[in-house]
Amino acid sequence: MSTDPLLQLLRRKARVSHQELADLLSMDEESVSRRIRAWEEDGTIRGYHAVIDSESAGDQSVSAFIEVKVTPERGGGFDRLAMRIARFDQVVSCYLASGGYDLMVMVEGDDLRDVARFVSEKLSTLDGVLSTATHFRLKAYKENGFLFEQEPSTERLAVAP
């Protein structure tokens, strides 16, 4: 996690006004605005988004995590193929990962068949892709630091003799 307190706050509270951020950090608003603008311009801050509870919003789309094993390219390693995969519209996130596979790709589709078509017609047919394993997201409990459900009460009931 970033050691800069302003970046840490922005990660959790991006919709808070610059003045509120300044107050929380004992800074002046202009300094906060200037630093945020510089980070946006140099690419440190890539964008902002809302964390949406798909179930509450009535979203019927499907998300899947796909493990991808690839052959690294001479002189390019994993980067060129990973960037090619990341450019597909269905791909939400793409990461180089450790373990039994090389890339972890998160995709979204209208339904299970849509994701299956993406894997069979686009992803698996790329030169350098050796194998894939698809895991469909069933339920979200926490996303980008936000809990979707409150913990059940752990209070114990009184026991009468």
C-alpha atoms as a PDB file:
ATOM      1  CA  MET A   1       0.000   0.000   0.000  1.00  0.00           C
ATOM      2  CA  SER A   2       1.165   3.521  -0.716  1.00  0.00           C
ATOM      3  CA  THR A   3       3.044   5.274   2.038  1.00  0.00           C
ATOM      4  CA  ASP A   4       1.640   8.667   1.010  1.00  0.00           C
ATOM      5  CA  PRO A   5      -1.287   9.472   3.349  1.00  0.00           C
ATOM      6  CA  LEU A   6      -3.119  11.444   0.645  1.00  0.00           C
ATOM      7  CA  LEU A   7      -3.015   8.520  -1.782  1.00  0.00           C
ATOM      8  CA  GLN A   8      -4.212   6.202   0.989  1.00  0.00           C
ATOM      9  CA  LEU A   9      -7.194   8.457   1.682  1.00  0.00           C
ATOM     10  CA  LEU A  10      -8.014   8.810  -2.027  1.00  0.00           C
ATOM     11  CA  ARG A  11      -8.010   5.021  -2.396  1.00  0.00           C
ATOM     12  CA  ARG A  12     -10.756   4.785   0.249  1.00  0.00           C
ATOM     13  CA  LYS A  13     -12.558   8.119  -0.152  1.00  0.00           C
ATOM     14  CA  ALA A  14     -12.160   9.367  -3.723  1.00  0.00           C
ATOM     15  CA  ARG A  15     -15.446  11.308  -3.622  1.00  0.00           C
ATOM     16  CA  VAL A  16     -14.440  13.410  -0.630  1.00  0.00           C
ATOM     17  CA  SER A  17     -13.822  17.059  -1.523  1.00  0.00           C
ATOM     18  CA  HIS A  18     -10.287  18.379  -1.700  1.00  0.00           C
ATOM     19  CA  GLN A  19     -11.078  20.606   1.285  1.00  0.00           C
ATOM     20  CA  GLU A  20     -12.192  17.614   3.380  1.00  0.00           C
ATOM     21  CA  LEU A  21      -9.021  15.716   2.394  1.00  0.00           C
ATOM     22  CA  ALA A  22      -6.945  18.759   3.345  1.00  0.00           C
ATOM     23  CA  ASP A  23      -8.699  18.984   6.720  1.00  0.00           C
ATOM     24  CA  LEU A  24      -8.149  15.274   7.417  1.00  0.00           C
ATOM     25  CA  LEU A  25      -4.432  15.629   6.653  1.00  0.00           C
ATOM     26  CA  SER A  26      -3.878  19.081   8.176  1.00  0.00           C
ATOM     27  CA  MET A  27      -2.944  20.490   4.757  1.00  0.00           C
ATOM     28  CA  ASP A  28      -4.260  23.379   2.695  1.00  0.00           C
ATOM     29  CA  GLU A  29      -6.753  22.701  -0.105  1.00  0.00           C
ATOM     30  CA  GLU A  30      -4.520  24.116  -2.859  1.00  0.00           C
ATOM     31  CA  SER A  31      -1.668  21.740  -1.958  1.00  0.00           C
ATOM     32  CA  VAL A  32      -4.053  18.775  -2.049  1.00  0.00           C
ATOM     33  CA  SER A  33      -5.509  19.871  -5.401  1.00  0.00           C
ATOM     34  CA  ARG A  34      -2.057  20.447  -6.893  1.00  0.00           C
ATOM     35  CA  ARG A  35      -0.782  17.009  -5.803  1.00  0.00           C
ATOM     36  CA  ILE A  36      -3.876  15.211  -7.078  1.00  0.00           C
ATOM     37  CA  ARG A  37      -3.690  17.044 -10.427  1.00  0.00           C
ATOM     38  CA  ALA A  38       0.016  16.103 -10.768  1.00  0.00           C
ATOM     39  CA  TRP A  39      -0.751  12.437 -10.004  1.00  0.00           C
ATOM     40  CA  GLU A  40      -3.558  12.420 -12.580  1.00  0.00           C
ATOM     41  CA  GLU A  41      -1.247  13.940 -15.194  1.00  0.00           C
ATOM     42  CA  ASP A  42       1.699  11.598 -14.549  1.00  0.00           C
ATOM     43  CA  GLY A  43      -0.514   8.490 -14.453  1.00  0.00           C
ATOM     44  CA  THR A  44      -0.117   7.697 -10.757  1.00  0.00           C
ATOM     45  CA  ILE A  45      -3.901   8.051 -10.483  1.00  0.00           C
ATOM     46  CA  ARG A  46      -5.372   6.097 -13.411  1.00  0.00           C
ATOM     47  CA  GLY A  47      -9.032   6.848 -12.748  1.00  0.00           C
ATOM     48  CA  TYR A  48     -11.922   6.730 -10.337  1.00  0.00           C
ATOM     49  CA  HIS A  49     -14.815   4.307 -10.103  1.00  0.00           C
ATOM     50  CA  ALA A  50     -17.788   3.370  -7.996  1.00  0.00           C
ATOM     51  CA  VAL A  51     -18.012   0.006  -6.246  1.00  0.00           C
ATOM     52  CA  ILE A  52     -21.491  -1.247  -7.142  1.00  0.00           C
ATOM     53  CA  ASP A  53     -23.401  -4.102  -5.553  1.00  0.00           C
ATOM     54  CA  SER A  54     -24.483  -5.890  -8.737  1.00  0.00           C
ATOM     55  CA  GLU A  55     -27.170  -7.855  -6.924  1.00  0.00           C
ATOM     56  CA  SER A  56     -28.798  -4.724  -5.511  1.00  0.00           C
ATOM     57  CA  ALA A  57     -28.553  -3.004  -8.900  1.00  0.00           C
ATOM     58  CA  GLY A  58     -30.267  -5.928 -10.629  1.00  0.00           C
ATOM     59  CA  ASP A  59     -27.218  -6.565 -12.832  1.00  0.00           C
ATOM     60  CA  GLN A  60     -27.469 -10.037 -14.365  1.00  0.00           C
ATOM     61  CA  SER A  61     -24.022 -10.004 -16.000  1.00  0.00           C
ATOM     62  CA  VAL A  62     -21.437 -12.657 -15.178  1.00  0.00           C
ATOM     63  CA  SER A  63     -17.875 -12.199 -13.935  1.00  0.00           C
ATOM     64  CA  ALA A  64     -15.111 -14.782 -14.148  1.00  0.00           C
ATOM     65  CA  PHE A  65     -11.500 -15.098 -13.071  1.00  0.00           C
ATOM     66  CA  ILE A  66      -9.437 -16.843 -15.713  1.00  0.00           C
ATOM     67  CA  GLU A  67      -6.049 -18.373 -14.977  1.00  0.00           C
ATOM     68  CA  VAL A  68      -3.944 -18.234 -18.134  1.00  0.00           C
ATOM     69  CA  LYS A  69      -0.709 -20.143 -18.738  1.00  0.00           C
ATOM     70  CA  VAL A  70       1.358 -18.597 -21.531  1.00  0.00           C
ATOM     71  CA  THR A  71       4.691 -18.998 -23.267  1.00  0.00           C
ATOM     72  CA  PRO A  72       6.863 -15.946 -22.589  1.00  0.00           C
ATOM     73  CA  GLU A  73       8.173 -14.226 -25.717  1.00  0.00           C
ATOM     74  CA  ARG A  74      11.872 -13.793 -26.355  1.00  0.00           C
ATOM     75  CA  GLY A  75      12.737 -10.182 -25.574  1.00  0.00           C
ATOM     76  CA  GLY A  76       9.239  -9.355 -24.372  1.00  0.00           C
ATOM     77  CA  GLY A  77       8.500 -11.836 -21.624  1.00  0.00           C
ATOM     78  CA  PHE A  78       4.829 -11.802 -20.687  1.00  0.00           C
ATOM     79  CA  ASP A  79       4.202  -8.122 -21.401  1.00  0.00           C
ATOM     80  CA  ARG A  80       3.184  -8.157 -25.083  1.00  0.00           C
ATOM     81  CA  LEU A  81       0.743 -11.032 -24.763  1.00  0.00           C
ATOM     82  CA  ALA A  82      -0.649  -9.680 -21.473  1.00  0.00           C
ATOM     83  CA  MET A  83      -1.264  -6.271 -23.079  1.00  0.00           C
ATOM     84  CA  ARG A  84      -2.936  -7.943 -26.059  1.00  0.00           C
ATOM     85  CA  ILE A  85      -5.261  -9.823 -23.711  1.00  0.00           C
ATOM     86  CA  ALA A  86      -5.900  -6.694 -21.607  1.00  0.00           C
ATOM     87  CA  ARG A  87      -7.169  -4.819 -24.692  1.00  0.00           C
ATOM     88  CA  PHE A  88     -10.199  -7.093 -25.184  1.00  0.00           C
ATOM     89  CA  ASP A  89     -13.435  -5.324 -24.224  1.00  0.00           C
ATOM     90  CA  GLN A  90     -14.513  -8.233 -22.004  1.00  0.00           C
ATOM     91  CA  VAL A  91     -11.370  -7.936 -19.849  1.00  0.00           C
ATOM     92  CA  VAL A  92     -11.858  -5.880 -16.685  1.00  0.00           C
ATOM     93  CA  SER A  93      -8.442  -6.621 -15.113  1.00  0.00           C
ATOM     94  CA  CYS A  94      -5.298  -8.475 -16.128  1.00  0.00           C
ATOM     95  CA  TYR A  95      -2.413  -9.284 -13.778  1.00  0.00           C
ATOM     96  CA  LEU A  96       0.897 -11.137 -13.964  1.00  0.00           C
ATOM     97  CA  ALA A  97       0.715 -13.632 -11.108  1.00  0.00           C
ATOM     98  CA  SER A  98       2.824 -16.185  -9.289  1.00  0.00           C
ATOM     99  CA  GLY A  99       1.835 -19.814  -8.906  1.00  0.00           C
ATOM    100  CA  GLY A 100       0.719 -22.453 -11.373  1.00  0.00           C
ATOM    101  CA  TYR A 101      -0.369 -19.986 -14.052  1.00  0.00           C
ATOM    102  CA  ASP A 102       1.094 -16.762 -15.432  1.00  0.00           C
ATOM    103  CA  LEU A 103      -1.803 -14.342 -15.830  1.00  0.00           C
ATOM    104  CA  MET A 104      -4.970 -13.744 -13.825  1.00  0.00           C
ATOM    105  CA  VAL A 105      -7.634 -12.200 -16.034  1.00  0.00           C
ATOM    106  CA  MET A 106     -10.997 -10.940 -14.810  1.00  0.00           C
ATOM    107  CA  VAL A 107     -13.697 -10.756 -17.473  1.00  0.00           C
ATOM    108  CA  GLU A 108     -17.352  -9.769 -17.632  1.00  0.00           C
ATOM    109  CA  GLY A 109     -20.031 -11.004 -19.989  1.00  0.00           C
ATOM    110  CA  ASP A 110     -23.786 -10.925 -20.434  1.00  0.00           C
ATOM    111  CA  ASP A 111     -24.105 -14.584 -19.412  1.00  0.00           C
ATOM    112  CA  LEU A 112     -22.124 -17.832 -19.025  1.00  0.00           C
ATOM    113  CA  ARG A 113     -22.149 -18.486 -22.777  1.00  0.00           C
ATOM    114  CA  ASP A 114     -20.758 -15.023 -23.465  1.00  0.00           C
ATOM    115  CA  VAL A 115     -17.756 -15.689 -21.197  1.00  0.00           C
ATOM    116  CA  ALA A 116     -17.332 -19.197 -22.637  1.00  0.00           C
ATOM    117  CA  ARG A 117     -17.319 -17.750 -26.168  1.00  0.00           C
ATOM    118  CA  PHE A 118     -14.668 -15.218 -25.176  1.00  0.00           C
ATOM    119  CA  VAL A 119     -12.444 -17.972 -23.763  1.00  0.00           C
ATOM    120  CA  SER A 120     -12.897 -20.392 -26.662  1.00  0.00           C
ATOM    121  CA  GLU A 121     -12.936 -17.958 -29.589  1.00  0.00           C
ATOM    122  CA  LYS A 122     -10.623 -15.153 -28.483  1.00  0.00           C
ATOM    123  CA  LEU A 123      -8.423 -15.990 -25.496  1.00  0.00           C
ATOM    124  CA  SER A 124      -7.548 -19.641 -26.174  1.00  0.00           C
ATOM    125  CA  THR A 125      -6.805 -19.011 -29.849  1.00  0.00           C
ATOM    126  CA  LEU A 126      -4.029 -16.477 -29.204  1.00  0.00           C
ATOM    127  CA  ASP A 127      -0.524 -17.632 -30.070  1.00  0.00           C
ATOM    128  CA  GLY A 128       1.325 -18.167 -26.823  1.00  0.00           C
ATOM    129  CA  VAL A 129      -1.713 -19.127 -24.728  1.00  0.00           C
ATOM    130  CA  LEU A 130      -1.081 -22.682 -23.506  1.00  0.00           C
ATOM    131  CA  SER A 131      -4.071 -23.238 -21.222  1.00  0.00           C
ATOM    132  CA  THR A 132      -6.840 -21.536 -19.302  1.00  0.00           C
ATOM    133  CA  ALA A 133      -8.934 -22.308 -16.225  1.00  0.00           C
ATOM    134  CA  THR A 134     -12.131 -20.320 -15.710  1.00  0.00           C
ATOM    135  CA  HIS A 135     -13.652 -19.654 -12.293  1.00  0.00           C
ATOM    136  CA  PHE A 136     -17.031 -17.910 -12.218  1.00  0.00           C
ATOM    137  CA  ARG A 137     -17.697 -15.370  -9.487  1.00  0.00           C
ATOM    138  CA  LEU A 138     -20.689 -16.518  -7.467  1.00  0.00           C
ATOM    139  CA  LYS A 139     -20.991 -13.856  -4.776  1.00  0.00           C
ATOM    140  CA  ALA A 140     -19.025 -10.809  -3.650  1.00  0.00           C
ATOM    141  CA  TYR A 141     -18.336 -10.298   0.037  1.00  0.00           C
ATOM    142  CA  LYS A 142     -15.772  -7.508  -0.277  1.00  0.00           C
ATOM    143  CA  GLU A 143     -14.557  -5.521  -3.277  1.00  0.00           C
ATOM    144  CA  ASN A 144     -11.924  -2.793  -3.354  1.00  0.00           C
ATOM    145  CA  GLY A 145     -12.127  -2.435   0.423  1.00  0.00           C
ATOM    146  CA  PHE A 146     -15.939  -2.276   0.658  1.00  0.00           C
ATOM    147  CA  LEU A 147     -17.945  -4.970   2.478  1.00  0.00           C
ATOM    148  CA  PHE A 148     -21.212  -5.974   0.834  1.00  0.00           C
ATOM    149  CA  GLU A 149     -22.826  -7.529   3.894  1.00  0.00           C
ATOM    150  CA  GLN A 150     -22.611  -6.751   7.545  1.00  0.00           C
ATOM    151  CA  GLU A 151     -21.228  -9.445   9.800  1.00  0.00           C
ATOM    152  CA  PRO A 152     -23.904 -11.430  11.600  1.00  0.00           C
ATOM    153  CA  SER A 153     -24.184 -10.559  15.253  1.00  0.00           C
ATOM    154  CA  THR A 154     -21.822 -12.602  17.374  1.00  0.00           C
ATOM    155  CA  GLU A 155     -23.602 -11.808  20.617  1.00  0.00           C
ATOM    156  CA  ARG A 156     -24.355 -14.925  22.590  1.00  0.00           C
ATOM    157  CA  LEU A 157     -27.814 -15.537  23.862  1.00  0.00           C
ATOM    158  CA  ALA A 158     -28.264 -15.718  27.618  1.00  0.00           C
ATOM    159  CA  VAL A 159     -28.630 -19.246  28.815  1.00  0.00           C
ATOM    160  CA  ALA A 160     -31.233 -19.802  31.518  1.00  0.00           C
ATOM    161  CA  PRO A 161     -30.703 -22.666  34.020  1.00  0.00           C
END
